[in-house]
Amino acid sequence: MGDIDGLRERVEAARRDYAELAMEGWGEPGPVDEGTGERWDRGNVLGHVAEMLPFWTGQIHAVLDGTQGEMGRDPVGTAQRRMGIDSGREAGAEGLLARIDAGMAGLLALLAGLTDADLARRVTHRSSEGQHEVELRFELEQVLIGHLEEHLGQLRAIEG
């Protein structure tokens, strides 16, 4: 099995797991995130995941089609992230889960069109810690799929 197949399997597993979440109420906020100082409930997490999937998938598409050579959140992207987090409760769990499922479908479509050479492609990643050169593989494994899996664990912890 190749790297892309392994990434696809991780997304498919996450998709099944998100679909099976018990979503009764928003739950108590989870523990404080050491990096941000924030405490998120289910609505915050789902709102963020629903926003981040198309954001990062779009960033990868833009790198692949040559319209940009760097990835990361500029002030507009940071504001979109915050709006996703803050508006999660208002959007409702059913709508957010549908958006998350659509985001994972978009991610799977992206993976279906990738080659091993694409995974090795170098890209500049901008973050609050600065810029660094990474392979596109890192963006997929950590920033997109790993991030999706991390938030699934966060939701399970909030479920208790």
N, C-alpha and C. Protein backbone atom coordinates (compact mmCIF):
# COMPACT_ATOMS: atom_id res chain seq x y z
N MET A 1 0.85 -1.18 0.00
CA MET A 1 0.00 0.00 0.00
C MET A 1 0.89 1.24 0.00
N GLY A 2 0.53 2.22 -0.83
CA GLY A 2 1.31 3.44 -0.92
C GLY A 2 0.89 4.48 0.11
N ASP A 3 1.66 5.56 0.14
CA ASP A 3 1.39 6.65 1.09
C ASP A 3 -0.01 7.23 0.89
N ILE A 4 -0.39 7.43 -0.36
CA ILE A 4 -1.70 8.04 -0.63
C ILE A 4 -2.82 7.11 -0.17
N ASP A 5 -2.66 5.82 -0.39
CA ASP A 5 -3.67 4.87 0.09
C ASP A 5 -3.80 4.93 1.61
N GLY A 6 -2.69 5.04 2.30
CA GLY A 6 -2.72 5.13 3.76
C GLY A 6 -3.41 6.41 4.22
N LEU A 7 -3.16 7.51 3.54
CA LEU A 7 -3.83 8.77 3.88
C LEU A 7 -5.33 8.65 3.64
N ARG A 8 -5.69 8.05 2.52
CA ARG A 8 -7.10 7.87 2.19
C ARG A 8 -7.80 7.01 3.25
N GLU A 9 -7.15 5.95 3.68
CA GLU A 9 -7.73 5.08 4.71
C GLU A 9 -7.94 5.84 6.02
N ARG A 10 -7.01 6.71 6.36
CA ARG A 10 -7.17 7.51 7.59
C ARG A 10 -8.38 8.44 7.48
N VAL A 11 -8.57 9.05 6.31
CA VAL A 11 -9.71 9.95 6.13
C VAL A 11 -11.01 9.15 6.15
N GLU A 12 -11.03 7.99 5.50
CA GLU A 12 -12.24 7.17 5.50
C GLU A 12 -12.59 6.71 6.91
N ALA A 13 -11.59 6.36 7.71
CA ALA A 13 -11.85 5.96 9.09
C ALA A 13 -12.39 7.14 9.90
N ALA A 14 -11.80 8.31 9.72
CA ALA A 14 -12.29 9.50 10.42
C ALA A 14 -13.71 9.83 10.00
N ARG A 15 -14.00 9.66 8.72
CA ARG A 15 -15.35 9.94 8.22
C ARG A 15 -16.38 9.04 8.91
N ARG A 16 -16.05 7.77 9.03
CA ARG A 16 -16.95 6.84 9.73
C ARG A 16 -17.10 7.23 11.20
N ASP A 17 -15.99 7.59 11.82
CA ASP A 17 -16.03 7.94 13.24
C ASP A 17 -16.82 9.22 13.50
N TYR A 18 -16.66 10.22 12.65
CA TYR A 18 -17.44 11.45 12.83
C TYR A 18 -18.93 11.15 12.66
N ALA A 19 -19.28 10.28 11.71
CA ALA A 19 -20.68 9.95 11.47
C ALA A 19 -21.31 9.23 12.66
N GLU A 20 -20.49 8.57 13.47
CA GLU A 20 -21.00 7.80 14.61
C GLU A 20 -21.01 8.58 15.93
N LEU A 21 -20.60 9.83 15.90
CA LEU A 21 -20.55 10.61 17.14
C LEU A 21 -21.95 10.81 17.71
N ALA A 22 -22.05 10.68 19.01
CA ALA A 22 -23.29 11.02 19.71
C ALA A 22 -23.29 12.53 19.88
N MET A 23 -24.30 13.18 19.35
CA MET A 23 -24.31 14.64 19.36
C MET A 23 -25.53 15.18 20.08
N GLU A 24 -25.64 14.84 21.32
CA GLU A 24 -26.76 15.34 22.13
C GLU A 24 -26.25 16.49 22.98
N GLY A 25 -26.68 17.68 22.67
CA GLY A 25 -26.22 18.85 23.40
C GLY A 25 -24.79 19.21 23.02
N TRP A 26 -24.33 20.30 23.59
CA TRP A 26 -23.00 20.78 23.24
C TRP A 26 -21.94 20.30 24.22
N GLY A 27 -22.34 19.76 25.36
CA GLY A 27 -21.37 19.29 26.34
C GLY A 27 -20.65 20.43 27.01
N GLU A 28 -19.96 20.08 28.06
CA GLU A 28 -19.14 21.07 28.76
C GLU A 28 -17.87 21.29 27.95
N PRO A 29 -17.34 22.49 28.00
CA PRO A 29 -16.07 22.71 27.31
C PRO A 29 -15.00 21.75 27.82
N GLY A 30 -14.14 21.34 26.93
CA GLY A 30 -13.04 20.46 27.29
C GLY A 30 -11.96 21.22 28.05
N PRO A 31 -10.85 20.55 28.30
CA PRO A 31 -9.76 21.20 29.04
C PRO A 31 -9.17 22.37 28.26
N VAL A 32 -8.49 23.23 28.98
CA VAL A 32 -7.86 24.39 28.37
C VAL A 32 -6.74 23.93 27.44
N ASP A 33 -6.74 24.46 26.23
CA ASP A 33 -5.67 24.20 25.27
C ASP A 33 -4.46 25.02 25.71
N GLU A 34 -3.34 24.36 25.94
CA GLU A 34 -2.14 25.04 26.43
C GLU A 34 -1.62 26.07 25.45
N GLY A 35 -1.81 25.81 24.15
CA GLY A 35 -1.30 26.73 23.14
C GLY A 35 -2.12 28.01 23.01
N THR A 36 -3.44 27.89 23.14
CA THR A 36 -4.31 29.05 22.89
C THR A 36 -4.99 29.59 24.14
N GLY A 37 -5.07 28.77 25.19
CA GLY A 37 -5.80 29.17 26.39
C GLY A 37 -7.30 29.05 26.25
N GLU A 38 -7.77 28.48 25.13
CA GLU A 38 -9.20 28.36 24.87
C GLU A 38 -9.76 27.04 25.41
N ARG A 39 -11.05 27.05 25.72
CA ARG A 39 -11.78 25.84 26.08
C ARG A 39 -12.96 25.73 25.11
N TRP A 40 -13.02 24.64 24.37
CA TRP A 40 -14.04 24.48 23.35
C TRP A 40 -15.06 23.43 23.75
N ASP A 41 -16.33 23.69 23.42
CA ASP A 41 -17.36 22.67 23.52
C ASP A 41 -17.54 22.02 22.14
N ARG A 42 -18.48 21.09 22.01
CA ARG A 42 -18.69 20.40 20.73
C ARG A 42 -18.95 21.38 19.58
N GLY A 43 -19.77 22.39 19.85
CA GLY A 43 -20.08 23.36 18.79
C GLY A 43 -18.85 24.07 18.28
N ASN A 44 -17.95 24.44 19.19
CA ASN A 44 -16.70 25.09 18.78
C ASN A 44 -15.85 24.16 17.92
N VAL A 45 -15.73 22.91 18.37
CA VAL A 45 -14.90 21.95 17.64
C VAL A 45 -15.50 21.66 16.27
N LEU A 46 -16.78 21.36 16.22
CA LEU A 46 -17.43 21.05 14.94
C LEU A 46 -17.38 22.24 14.00
N GLY A 47 -17.60 23.45 14.52
CA GLY A 47 -17.52 24.64 13.69
C GLY A 47 -16.14 24.82 13.10
N HIS A 48 -15.12 24.57 13.90
CA HIS A 48 -13.75 24.68 13.41
C HIS A 48 -13.45 23.63 12.35
N VAL A 49 -13.82 22.38 12.61
CA VAL A 49 -13.54 21.31 11.64
C VAL A 49 -14.27 21.58 10.33
N ALA A 50 -15.53 22.02 10.42
CA ALA A 50 -16.30 22.32 9.21
C ALA A 50 -15.64 23.43 8.39
N GLU A 51 -14.98 24.36 9.06
CA GLU A 51 -14.29 25.45 8.36
C GLU A 51 -12.92 25.05 7.87
N MET A 52 -12.19 24.28 8.69
CA MET A 52 -10.78 24.03 8.35
C MET A 52 -10.60 23.05 7.20
N LEU A 53 -11.53 22.09 7.06
CA LEU A 53 -11.37 21.11 5.97
C LEU A 53 -11.35 21.78 4.59
N PRO A 54 -12.36 22.58 4.24
CA PRO A 54 -12.28 23.22 2.92
C PRO A 54 -11.17 24.26 2.83
N PHE A 55 -10.83 24.90 3.95
CA PHE A 55 -9.75 25.89 3.91
C PHE A 55 -8.45 25.22 3.49
N TRP A 56 -8.03 24.17 4.22
CA TRP A 56 -6.74 23.55 3.94
C TRP A 56 -6.75 22.75 2.64
N THR A 57 -7.88 22.15 2.29
CA THR A 57 -7.98 21.46 1.01
C THR A 57 -7.81 22.49 -0.12
N GLY A 58 -8.43 23.65 0.03
CA GLY A 58 -8.28 24.71 -0.97
C GLY A 58 -6.85 25.21 -1.06
N GLN A 59 -6.17 25.29 0.08
CA GLN A 59 -4.77 25.70 0.07
C GLN A 59 -3.92 24.71 -0.73
N ILE A 60 -4.17 23.43 -0.54
CA ILE A 60 -3.40 22.41 -1.27
C ILE A 60 -3.72 22.47 -2.76
N HIS A 61 -4.98 22.63 -3.12
CA HIS A 61 -5.34 22.78 -4.54
C HIS A 61 -4.60 23.96 -5.16
N ALA A 62 -4.54 25.08 -4.44
CA ALA A 62 -3.87 26.27 -4.96
C ALA A 62 -2.38 26.04 -5.17
N VAL A 63 -1.75 25.27 -4.30
CA VAL A 63 -0.34 24.93 -4.49
C VAL A 63 -0.19 24.03 -5.71
N LEU A 64 -1.05 23.03 -5.82
CA LEU A 64 -0.95 22.09 -6.94
C LEU A 64 -1.21 22.73 -8.29
N ASP A 65 -2.14 23.70 -8.33
CA ASP A 65 -2.42 24.33 -9.63
C ASP A 65 -1.53 25.54 -9.91
N GLY A 66 -0.62 25.82 -8.97
CA GLY A 66 0.37 26.86 -9.19
C GLY A 66 -0.09 28.27 -8.89
N THR A 67 -1.26 28.45 -8.32
CA THR A 67 -1.72 29.81 -8.03
C THR A 67 -1.10 30.36 -6.75
N GLN A 68 -0.53 29.49 -5.92
CA GLN A 68 0.23 29.97 -4.77
C GLN A 68 1.31 28.96 -4.42
N GLY A 69 2.39 29.47 -3.83
CA GLY A 69 3.50 28.61 -3.46
C GLY A 69 3.65 28.44 -1.97
N GLU A 70 2.81 29.13 -1.22
CA GLU A 70 2.85 29.01 0.23
C GLU A 70 1.47 28.65 0.74
N MET A 71 1.47 28.13 1.95
CA MET A 71 0.22 27.76 2.60
C MET A 71 0.20 28.35 4.00
N GLY A 72 -0.99 28.66 4.47
CA GLY A 72 -1.14 29.17 5.82
C GLY A 72 -2.26 30.17 5.91
N ARG A 73 -2.52 30.59 7.10
CA ARG A 73 -3.61 31.54 7.33
C ARG A 73 -3.08 32.96 7.40
N ASP A 74 -3.60 33.78 6.50
CA ASP A 74 -3.34 35.22 6.59
C ASP A 74 -4.41 35.80 7.51
N PRO A 75 -4.47 37.11 7.69
CA PRO A 75 -5.50 37.67 8.58
C PRO A 75 -6.93 37.29 8.20
N VAL A 76 -7.23 37.19 6.91
CA VAL A 76 -8.58 36.78 6.49
C VAL A 76 -8.83 35.32 6.88
N GLY A 77 -7.85 34.46 6.64
CA GLY A 77 -7.99 33.05 7.01
C GLY A 77 -8.11 32.87 8.51
N THR A 78 -7.40 33.69 9.26
CA THR A 78 -7.49 33.62 10.72
C THR A 78 -8.87 34.06 11.19
N ALA A 79 -9.42 35.08 10.56
CA ALA A 79 -10.78 35.53 10.91
C ALA A 79 -11.81 34.46 10.56
N GLN A 80 -11.63 33.79 9.42
CA GLN A 80 -12.54 32.70 9.04
C GLN A 80 -12.49 31.58 10.07
N ARG A 81 -11.31 31.25 10.52
CA ARG A 81 -11.15 30.22 11.55
C ARG A 81 -11.93 30.60 12.80
N ARG A 82 -11.73 31.82 13.24
CA ARG A 82 -12.41 32.28 14.45
C ARG A 82 -13.93 32.26 14.28
N MET A 83 -14.42 32.66 13.12
CA MET A 83 -15.86 32.65 12.86
C MET A 83 -16.39 31.22 12.90
N GLY A 84 -15.64 30.26 12.35
CA GLY A 84 -16.06 28.86 12.40
C GLY A 84 -16.19 28.37 13.83
N ILE A 85 -15.22 28.70 14.65
CA ILE A 85 -15.23 28.28 16.06
C ILE A 85 -16.41 28.92 16.79
N ASP A 86 -16.57 30.22 16.61
CA ASP A 86 -17.58 30.96 17.36
C ASP A 86 -19.00 30.71 16.89
N SER A 87 -19.19 30.32 15.64
CA SER A 87 -20.55 30.17 15.12
C SER A 87 -21.05 28.73 15.14
N GLY A 88 -20.24 27.81 15.65
CA GLY A 88 -20.61 26.39 15.62
C GLY A 88 -21.95 26.09 16.28
N ARG A 89 -22.20 26.65 17.44
CA ARG A 89 -23.45 26.37 18.15
C ARG A 89 -24.65 26.86 17.35
N GLU A 90 -24.50 28.00 16.70
CA GLU A 90 -25.61 28.57 15.93
C GLU A 90 -25.91 27.74 14.68
N ALA A 91 -24.91 27.12 14.11
CA ALA A 91 -25.09 26.35 12.88
C ALA A 91 -25.83 25.04 13.15
N GLY A 92 -25.71 24.49 14.33
CA GLY A 92 -26.38 23.23 14.67
C GLY A 92 -25.54 22.02 14.28
N ALA A 93 -25.60 20.99 15.11
CA ALA A 93 -24.77 19.80 14.92
C ALA A 93 -25.04 19.10 13.59
N GLU A 94 -26.30 18.95 13.22
CA GLU A 94 -26.62 18.23 11.99
C GLU A 94 -26.01 18.93 10.77
N GLY A 95 -26.17 20.25 10.70
CA GLY A 95 -25.60 21.00 9.58
C GLY A 95 -24.08 20.96 9.58
N LEU A 96 -23.49 21.05 10.76
CA LEU A 96 -22.02 21.01 10.84
C LEU A 96 -21.49 19.65 10.43
N LEU A 97 -22.14 18.58 10.90
CA LEU A 97 -21.70 17.24 10.52
C LEU A 97 -21.84 17.02 9.02
N ALA A 98 -22.87 17.58 8.41
CA ALA A 98 -23.03 17.48 6.95
C ALA A 98 -21.90 18.23 6.25
N ARG A 99 -21.54 19.42 6.75
CA ARG A 99 -20.43 20.18 6.17
C ARG A 99 -19.11 19.45 6.36
N ILE A 100 -18.92 18.83 7.52
CA ILE A 100 -17.69 18.07 7.77
C ILE A 100 -17.61 16.88 6.82
N ASP A 101 -18.73 16.18 6.64
CA ASP A 101 -18.74 15.05 5.71
C ASP A 101 -18.41 15.52 4.30
N ALA A 102 -18.99 16.64 3.89
CA ALA A 102 -18.68 17.19 2.55
C ALA A 102 -17.20 17.58 2.46
N GLY A 103 -16.65 18.13 3.55
CA GLY A 103 -15.23 18.48 3.56
C GLY A 103 -14.34 17.25 3.43
N MET A 104 -14.74 16.16 4.08
CA MET A 104 -13.96 14.92 3.95
C MET A 104 -14.11 14.34 2.56
N ALA A 105 -15.28 14.48 1.94
CA ALA A 105 -15.45 14.03 0.55
C ALA A 105 -14.52 14.83 -0.36
N GLY A 106 -14.41 16.13 -0.12
CA GLY A 106 -13.50 16.95 -0.90
C GLY A 106 -12.05 16.56 -0.70
N LEU A 107 -11.70 16.21 0.53
CA LEU A 107 -10.34 15.75 0.83
C LEU A 107 -10.06 14.43 0.14
N LEU A 108 -11.02 13.52 0.16
CA LEU A 108 -10.84 12.24 -0.54
C LEU A 108 -10.68 12.45 -2.05
N ALA A 109 -11.44 13.38 -2.61
CA ALA A 109 -11.30 13.69 -4.04
C ALA A 109 -9.91 14.26 -4.33
N LEU A 110 -9.42 15.11 -3.45
CA LEU A 110 -8.06 15.65 -3.60
C LEU A 110 -7.05 14.51 -3.60
N LEU A 111 -7.16 13.61 -2.63
CA LEU A 111 -6.22 12.49 -2.52
C LEU A 111 -6.27 11.60 -3.75
N ALA A 112 -7.46 11.42 -4.33
CA ALA A 112 -7.61 10.56 -5.51
C ALA A 112 -6.82 11.10 -6.70
N GLY A 113 -6.59 12.41 -6.73
CA GLY A 113 -5.87 13.00 -7.85
C GLY A 113 -4.39 13.21 -7.60
N LEU A 114 -3.88 12.79 -6.44
CA LEU A 114 -2.48 13.02 -6.11
C LEU A 114 -1.58 11.88 -6.58
N THR A 115 -0.32 12.23 -6.77
CA THR A 115 0.72 11.24 -7.07
C THR A 115 1.76 11.29 -5.96
N ASP A 116 2.62 10.29 -5.92
CA ASP A 116 3.72 10.31 -4.94
C ASP A 116 4.60 11.54 -5.14
N ALA A 117 4.78 11.96 -6.40
CA ALA A 117 5.58 13.16 -6.67
C ALA A 117 4.93 14.39 -6.04
N ASP A 118 3.60 14.45 -6.05
CA ASP A 118 2.91 15.57 -5.41
C ASP A 118 3.21 15.61 -3.91
N LEU A 119 3.24 14.45 -3.28
CA LEU A 119 3.51 14.39 -1.83
C LEU A 119 4.89 14.94 -1.49
N ALA A 120 5.83 14.76 -2.40
CA ALA A 120 7.21 15.22 -2.17
C ALA A 120 7.41 16.69 -2.54
N ARG A 121 6.42 17.30 -3.14
CA ARG A 121 6.52 18.70 -3.56
C ARG A 121 6.77 19.60 -2.35
N ARG A 122 7.69 20.54 -2.49
CA ARG A 122 8.05 21.45 -1.40
C ARG A 122 7.12 22.66 -1.42
N VAL A 123 6.75 23.10 -0.23
CA VAL A 123 5.87 24.25 -0.08
C VAL A 123 6.28 25.01 1.17
N THR A 124 6.09 26.32 1.16
CA THR A 124 6.35 27.13 2.34
C THR A 124 5.09 27.12 3.19
N HIS A 125 5.25 26.76 4.46
CA HIS A 125 4.14 26.74 5.41
C HIS A 125 4.30 27.94 6.34
N ARG A 126 3.28 28.81 6.34
CA ARG A 126 3.27 29.98 7.24
C ARG A 126 2.43 29.64 8.46
N SER A 127 2.95 29.97 9.62
CA SER A 127 2.19 29.77 10.85
C SER A 127 2.57 30.88 11.82
N SER A 128 1.95 30.86 12.99
CA SER A 128 2.27 31.88 13.99
C SER A 128 3.72 31.80 14.45
N GLU A 129 4.34 30.63 14.24
CA GLU A 129 5.76 30.47 14.61
C GLU A 129 6.71 30.89 13.51
N GLY A 130 6.18 31.33 12.37
CA GLY A 130 7.02 31.74 11.26
C GLY A 130 6.79 30.88 10.03
N GLN A 131 7.76 30.91 9.12
CA GLN A 131 7.67 30.16 7.88
C GLN A 131 8.70 29.05 7.87
N HIS A 132 8.33 27.91 7.27
CA HIS A 132 9.30 26.85 7.07
C HIS A 132 8.90 26.04 5.84
N GLU A 133 9.91 25.46 5.22
CA GLU A 133 9.70 24.64 4.04
C GLU A 133 9.36 23.22 4.47
N VAL A 134 8.30 22.68 3.89
CA VAL A 134 7.87 21.32 4.19
C VAL A 134 7.45 20.65 2.89
N GLU A 135 7.32 19.34 2.94
CA GLU A 135 6.73 18.62 1.82
C GLU A 135 5.22 18.70 1.93
N LEU A 136 4.55 18.62 0.81
CA LEU A 136 3.09 18.61 0.80
C LEU A 136 2.56 17.46 1.65
N ARG A 137 3.34 16.39 1.74
CA ARG A 137 2.99 15.24 2.60
C ARG A 137 2.75 15.72 4.04
N PHE A 138 3.60 16.61 4.54
CA PHE A 138 3.43 17.14 5.90
C PHE A 138 2.09 17.85 6.03
N GLU A 139 1.76 18.68 5.06
CA GLU A 139 0.49 19.41 5.11
C GLU A 139 -0.69 18.45 5.20
N LEU A 140 -0.64 17.38 4.41
CA LEU A 140 -1.73 16.40 4.44
C LEU A 140 -1.74 15.60 5.73
N GLU A 141 -0.57 15.10 6.13
CA GLU A 141 -0.50 14.22 7.30
C GLU A 141 -0.77 14.96 8.61
N GLN A 142 -0.27 16.16 8.73
CA GLN A 142 -0.34 16.88 10.01
C GLN A 142 -1.42 17.95 10.04
N VAL A 143 -1.37 18.85 9.08
CA VAL A 143 -2.24 20.02 9.11
C VAL A 143 -3.68 19.67 8.75
N LEU A 144 -3.87 18.68 7.90
CA LEU A 144 -5.22 18.33 7.49
C LEU A 144 -5.71 17.05 8.17
N ILE A 145 -5.12 15.92 7.86
CA ILE A 145 -5.65 14.65 8.36
C ILE A 145 -5.36 14.47 9.85
N GLY A 146 -4.15 14.75 10.28
CA GLY A 146 -3.85 14.65 11.70
C GLY A 146 -4.69 15.60 12.53
N HIS A 147 -4.93 16.77 11.99
CA HIS A 147 -5.76 17.78 12.65
C HIS A 147 -7.21 17.27 12.78
N LEU A 148 -7.71 16.66 11.72
CA LEU A 148 -9.04 16.07 11.72
C LEU A 148 -9.15 14.99 12.79
N GLU A 149 -8.14 14.13 12.87
CA GLU A 149 -8.12 13.06 13.88
C GLU A 149 -7.99 13.62 15.30
N GLU A 150 -7.19 14.65 15.46
CA GLU A 150 -7.00 15.27 16.77
C GLU A 150 -8.33 15.82 17.29
N HIS A 151 -9.08 16.48 16.43
CA HIS A 151 -10.36 17.03 16.86
C HIS A 151 -11.40 15.94 17.12
N LEU A 152 -11.28 14.81 16.47
CA LEU A 152 -12.16 13.68 16.77
C LEU A 152 -11.90 13.22 18.21
N GLY A 153 -10.64 13.12 18.58
CA GLY A 153 -10.30 12.77 19.96
C GLY A 153 -10.80 13.80 20.94
N GLN A 154 -10.74 15.06 20.58
CA GLN A 154 -11.24 16.14 21.43
C GLN A 154 -12.75 15.98 21.63
N LEU A 155 -13.47 15.69 20.54
CA LEU A 155 -14.93 15.49 20.66
C LEU A 155 -15.27 14.30 21.55
N ARG A 156 -14.50 13.25 21.42
CA ARG A 156 -14.74 12.07 22.27
C ARG A 156 -14.49 12.39 23.75
N ALA A 157 -13.48 13.20 24.00
CA ALA A 157 -13.19 13.59 25.38
C ALA A 157 -14.31 14.45 25.95
N ILE A 158 -14.87 15.32 25.15
CA ILE A 158 -15.98 16.16 25.60
C ILE A 158 -17.22 15.31 25.85
N GLU A 159 -17.42 14.27 25.02
CA GLU A 159 -18.56 13.36 25.21
C GLU A 159 -18.50 12.69 26.56
N GLY A 160 -17.26 12.38 26.98
CA GLY A 160 -17.05 11.73 28.28
C GLY A 160 -17.53 10.36 28.21
